[in-house]
Amino acid sequence: MQIQEMNIQLVCTLDEWDPFQMGEGNYDTEIADVIQAVHDIDDQEKLARKIQAIYEFSFEQIIPLANCKEIAEKLISIKNSGSCQL
């Protein structure tokens, strides 16, 4: 899978997540920040905390860390399925 395809899968996964029940398409800024974090962070716990911080900054509400860990696991799985194995 190429980077562009992986990013599309990441966007779809995050858009469907909808942690504040605002409807798809209302998290563009946060999704962009999270995708950058996915490319930079390999550790699920660290990624979950980063996701939590990104959404808290924008919405001034805290998403439970357990919810962030679930989405982080999905995102890392997508990332790992797209990386080349030699």
N, C-alpha and C. Protein backbone atom coordinates (compact mmCIF):
# COMPACT_ATOMS: atom_id res chain seq x y z
N MET A 1 0.85 -1.18 0.00
CA MET A 1 0.00 0.00 0.00
C MET A 1 0.89 1.24 0.00
N GLN A 2 0.55 2.19 -0.82
CA GLN A 2 1.32 3.42 -0.89
C GLN A 2 0.86 4.39 0.20
N ILE A 3 1.68 5.39 0.46
CA ILE A 3 1.40 6.38 1.51
C ILE A 3 0.04 7.04 1.28
N GLN A 4 -0.25 7.41 0.05
CA GLN A 4 -1.51 8.09 -0.24
C GLN A 4 -2.70 7.19 0.10
N GLU A 5 -2.64 5.93 -0.27
CA GLU A 5 -3.71 4.98 0.05
C GLU A 5 -3.85 4.81 1.56
N MET A 6 -2.71 4.72 2.23
CA MET A 6 -2.73 4.57 3.68
C MET A 6 -3.38 5.79 4.32
N ASN A 7 -3.01 6.98 3.86
CA ASN A 7 -3.59 8.20 4.42
C ASN A 7 -5.10 8.26 4.22
N ILE A 8 -5.57 7.79 3.07
CA ILE A 8 -7.02 7.76 2.82
C ILE A 8 -7.71 6.83 3.81
N GLN A 9 -7.11 5.67 4.05
CA GLN A 9 -7.67 4.73 5.03
C GLN A 9 -7.67 5.34 6.43
N LEU A 10 -6.59 6.04 6.77
CA LEU A 10 -6.51 6.69 8.08
C LEU A 10 -7.60 7.75 8.22
N VAL A 11 -7.79 8.56 7.18
CA VAL A 11 -8.82 9.61 7.19
C VAL A 11 -10.20 8.99 7.38
N CYS A 12 -10.50 7.96 6.62
CA CYS A 12 -11.81 7.30 6.72
C CYS A 12 -12.04 6.73 8.12
N THR A 13 -11.03 6.11 8.67
CA THR A 13 -11.14 5.53 10.02
C THR A 13 -11.38 6.62 11.05
N LEU A 14 -10.64 7.70 10.96
CA LEU A 14 -10.81 8.80 11.92
C LEU A 14 -12.14 9.52 11.73
N ASP A 15 -12.57 9.69 10.50
CA ASP A 15 -13.83 10.37 10.23
C ASP A 15 -15.00 9.55 10.77
N GLU A 16 -14.92 8.24 10.64
CA GLU A 16 -15.97 7.36 11.16
C GLU A 16 -15.97 7.30 12.68
N TRP A 17 -14.83 7.56 13.30
CA TRP A 17 -14.70 7.47 14.76
C TRP A 17 -15.65 8.46 15.43
N ASP A 18 -15.65 9.71 15.05
CA ASP A 18 -16.61 10.72 15.51
C ASP A 18 -16.76 10.74 17.05
N PRO A 19 -15.70 11.07 17.79
CA PRO A 19 -15.73 10.96 19.24
C PRO A 19 -16.72 11.89 19.95
N PHE A 20 -17.14 12.96 19.31
CA PHE A 20 -18.07 13.89 19.93
C PHE A 20 -19.44 13.90 19.25
N GLN A 21 -19.72 12.90 18.44
CA GLN A 21 -20.99 12.75 17.73
C GLN A 21 -21.39 14.04 17.01
N MET A 22 -20.45 14.61 16.29
CA MET A 22 -20.69 15.83 15.53
C MET A 22 -20.96 15.51 14.06
N GLY A 23 -20.80 14.27 13.67
CA GLY A 23 -20.99 13.87 12.29
C GLY A 23 -19.68 13.89 11.53
N GLU A 24 -19.62 13.05 10.52
CA GLU A 24 -18.41 12.96 9.70
C GLU A 24 -18.15 14.30 9.02
N GLY A 25 -16.88 14.60 8.83
CA GLY A 25 -16.50 15.82 8.13
C GLY A 25 -16.29 17.03 9.03
N ASN A 26 -16.39 16.85 10.33
CA ASN A 26 -16.25 17.97 11.26
C ASN A 26 -14.94 17.97 12.03
N TYR A 27 -14.00 17.15 11.60
CA TYR A 27 -12.75 17.00 12.34
C TYR A 27 -11.52 17.16 11.43
N ASP A 28 -11.64 17.91 10.36
CA ASP A 28 -10.56 17.97 9.37
C ASP A 28 -9.21 18.35 9.96
N THR A 29 -9.18 19.38 10.79
CA THR A 29 -7.92 19.84 11.39
C THR A 29 -7.33 18.77 12.30
N GLU A 30 -8.18 18.18 13.12
CA GLU A 30 -7.73 17.15 14.06
C GLU A 30 -7.24 15.92 13.32
N ILE A 31 -7.95 15.54 12.27
CA ILE A 31 -7.57 14.37 11.48
C ILE A 31 -6.19 14.59 10.85
N ALA A 32 -5.95 15.77 10.32
CA ALA A 32 -4.64 16.07 9.73
C ALA A 32 -3.54 15.96 10.78
N ASP A 33 -3.80 16.48 11.98
CA ASP A 33 -2.81 16.41 13.06
C ASP A 33 -2.57 14.97 13.50
N VAL A 34 -3.63 14.19 13.60
CA VAL A 34 -3.50 12.80 14.03
C VAL A 34 -2.74 11.98 12.98
N ILE A 35 -3.02 12.21 11.70
CA ILE A 35 -2.30 11.48 10.65
C ILE A 35 -0.81 11.77 10.72
N GLN A 36 -0.46 13.02 10.95
CA GLN A 36 0.96 13.35 11.11
C GLN A 36 1.55 12.60 12.31
N ALA A 37 0.78 12.54 13.39
CA ALA A 37 1.25 11.82 14.58
C ALA A 37 1.42 10.33 14.30
N VAL A 38 0.52 9.75 13.53
CA VAL A 38 0.62 8.32 13.18
C VAL A 38 1.92 8.05 12.44
N HIS A 39 2.30 8.97 11.56
CA HIS A 39 3.55 8.79 10.81
C HIS A 39 4.78 8.94 11.71
N ASP A 40 4.64 9.72 12.79
CA ASP A 40 5.78 10.01 13.67
C ASP A 40 5.90 9.06 14.87
N ILE A 41 4.79 8.46 15.29
CA ILE A 41 4.76 7.69 16.53
C ILE A 41 4.40 6.24 16.25
N ASP A 42 5.18 5.31 16.78
CA ASP A 42 4.91 3.88 16.60
C ASP A 42 4.30 3.23 17.84
N ASP A 43 4.41 3.88 18.98
CA ASP A 43 3.94 3.33 20.24
C ASP A 43 2.46 3.66 20.44
N GLN A 44 1.64 2.63 20.67
CA GLN A 44 0.19 2.82 20.81
C GLN A 44 -0.16 3.75 21.97
N GLU A 45 0.47 3.58 23.10
CA GLU A 45 0.19 4.42 24.28
C GLU A 45 0.50 5.89 23.99
N LYS A 46 1.66 6.14 23.41
CA LYS A 46 2.05 7.53 23.09
C LYS A 46 1.12 8.13 22.05
N LEU A 47 0.75 7.34 21.05
CA LEU A 47 -0.16 7.83 20.03
C LEU A 47 -1.53 8.13 20.64
N ALA A 48 -2.00 7.28 21.52
CA ALA A 48 -3.30 7.50 22.18
C ALA A 48 -3.28 8.81 22.96
N ARG A 49 -2.21 9.06 23.68
CA ARG A 49 -2.11 10.31 24.45
C ARG A 49 -2.03 11.53 23.53
N LYS A 50 -1.37 11.38 22.40
CA LYS A 50 -1.28 12.48 21.43
C LYS A 50 -2.65 12.77 20.83
N ILE A 51 -3.39 11.71 20.49
CA ILE A 51 -4.75 11.88 19.95
C ILE A 51 -5.62 12.58 20.98
N GLN A 52 -5.54 12.14 22.21
CA GLN A 52 -6.32 12.76 23.28
C GLN A 52 -6.01 14.25 23.38
N ALA A 53 -4.73 14.60 23.33
CA ALA A 53 -4.31 16.00 23.44
C ALA A 53 -4.79 16.83 22.25
N ILE A 54 -4.72 16.27 21.05
CA ILE A 54 -5.15 16.99 19.84
C ILE A 54 -6.63 17.36 19.94
N TYR A 55 -7.45 16.39 20.29
CA TYR A 55 -8.89 16.65 20.36
C TYR A 55 -9.24 17.54 21.56
N GLU A 56 -8.53 17.37 22.67
CA GLU A 56 -8.78 18.22 23.83
C GLU A 56 -8.46 19.68 23.51
N PHE A 57 -7.38 19.91 22.79
CA PHE A 57 -6.98 21.27 22.42
C PHE A 57 -8.08 21.95 21.59
N SER A 58 -8.64 21.20 20.65
CA SER A 58 -9.65 21.77 19.75
C SER A 58 -11.02 21.92 20.39
N PHE A 59 -11.43 20.95 21.19
CA PHE A 59 -12.81 20.91 21.67
C PHE A 59 -12.95 21.17 23.17
N GLU A 60 -11.83 21.31 23.87
CA GLU A 60 -11.83 21.55 25.31
C GLU A 60 -12.64 20.50 26.06
N GLN A 61 -12.59 19.28 25.53
CA GLN A 61 -13.20 18.12 26.18
C GLN A 61 -12.19 16.98 26.11
N ILE A 62 -12.17 16.18 27.14
CA ILE A 62 -11.23 15.06 27.18
C ILE A 62 -11.93 13.78 26.75
N ILE A 63 -11.34 13.13 25.77
CA ILE A 63 -11.81 11.80 25.36
C ILE A 63 -11.14 10.80 26.29
N PRO A 64 -11.90 9.85 26.85
CA PRO A 64 -11.27 8.84 27.71
C PRO A 64 -10.10 8.16 27.00
N LEU A 65 -9.02 7.97 27.74
CA LEU A 65 -7.80 7.39 27.16
C LEU A 65 -8.08 6.01 26.55
N ALA A 66 -8.98 5.24 27.15
CA ALA A 66 -9.30 3.92 26.60
C ALA A 66 -9.84 4.03 25.18
N ASN A 67 -10.66 5.04 24.92
CA ASN A 67 -11.19 5.27 23.56
C ASN A 67 -10.06 5.65 22.61
N CYS A 68 -9.15 6.45 23.09
CA CYS A 68 -8.01 6.88 22.27
C CYS A 68 -7.09 5.69 21.97
N LYS A 69 -6.94 4.79 22.93
CA LYS A 69 -6.12 3.60 22.71
C LYS A 69 -6.72 2.71 21.64
N GLU A 70 -8.05 2.59 21.64
CA GLU A 70 -8.72 1.77 20.63
C GLU A 70 -8.46 2.31 19.23
N ILE A 71 -8.63 3.62 19.06
CA ILE A 71 -8.43 4.19 17.73
C ILE A 71 -6.94 4.16 17.36
N ALA A 72 -6.07 4.37 18.34
CA ALA A 72 -4.63 4.32 18.08
C ALA A 72 -4.23 2.93 17.58
N GLU A 73 -4.81 1.89 18.17
CA GLU A 73 -4.52 0.52 17.74
C GLU A 73 -4.93 0.32 16.29
N LYS A 74 -6.11 0.81 15.92
CA LYS A 74 -6.58 0.68 14.54
C LYS A 74 -5.66 1.43 13.57
N LEU A 75 -5.27 2.64 13.96
CA LEU A 75 -4.44 3.47 13.10
C LEU A 75 -3.06 2.85 12.90
N ILE A 76 -2.48 2.34 13.96
CA ILE A 76 -1.16 1.70 13.86
C ILE A 76 -1.26 0.43 13.01
N SER A 77 -2.36 -0.27 13.13
CA SER A 77 -2.57 -1.47 12.31
C SER A 77 -2.61 -1.10 10.83
N ILE A 78 -3.31 -0.02 10.49
CA ILE A 78 -3.35 0.45 9.10
C ILE A 78 -1.95 0.84 8.64
N LYS A 79 -1.24 1.56 9.50
CA LYS A 79 0.12 2.00 9.17
C LYS A 79 1.03 0.79 8.93
N ASN A 80 0.96 -0.19 9.79
CA ASN A 80 1.82 -1.37 9.68
C ASN A 80 1.47 -2.23 8.48
N SER A 81 0.22 -2.24 8.08
CA SER A 81 -0.16 -3.03 6.90
C SER A 81 0.32 -2.36 5.62
N GLY A 82 0.65 -1.07 5.73
CA GLY A 82 1.11 -0.35 4.56
C GLY A 82 2.61 -0.28 4.43
N SER A 83 3.32 -0.69 5.45
CA SER A 83 4.78 -0.58 5.37
C SER A 83 5.38 -1.78 4.64
N CYS A 84 6.47 -1.54 4.01
CA CYS A 84 7.15 -2.58 3.24
C CYS A 84 7.91 -3.52 4.18
N GLN A 85 7.77 -4.77 3.94
CA GLN A 85 8.51 -5.77 4.73
C GLN A 85 9.52 -6.42 3.80
N LEU A 86 10.78 -6.37 4.17
CA LEU A 86 11.83 -6.99 3.35
C LEU A 86 12.27 -8.29 3.96
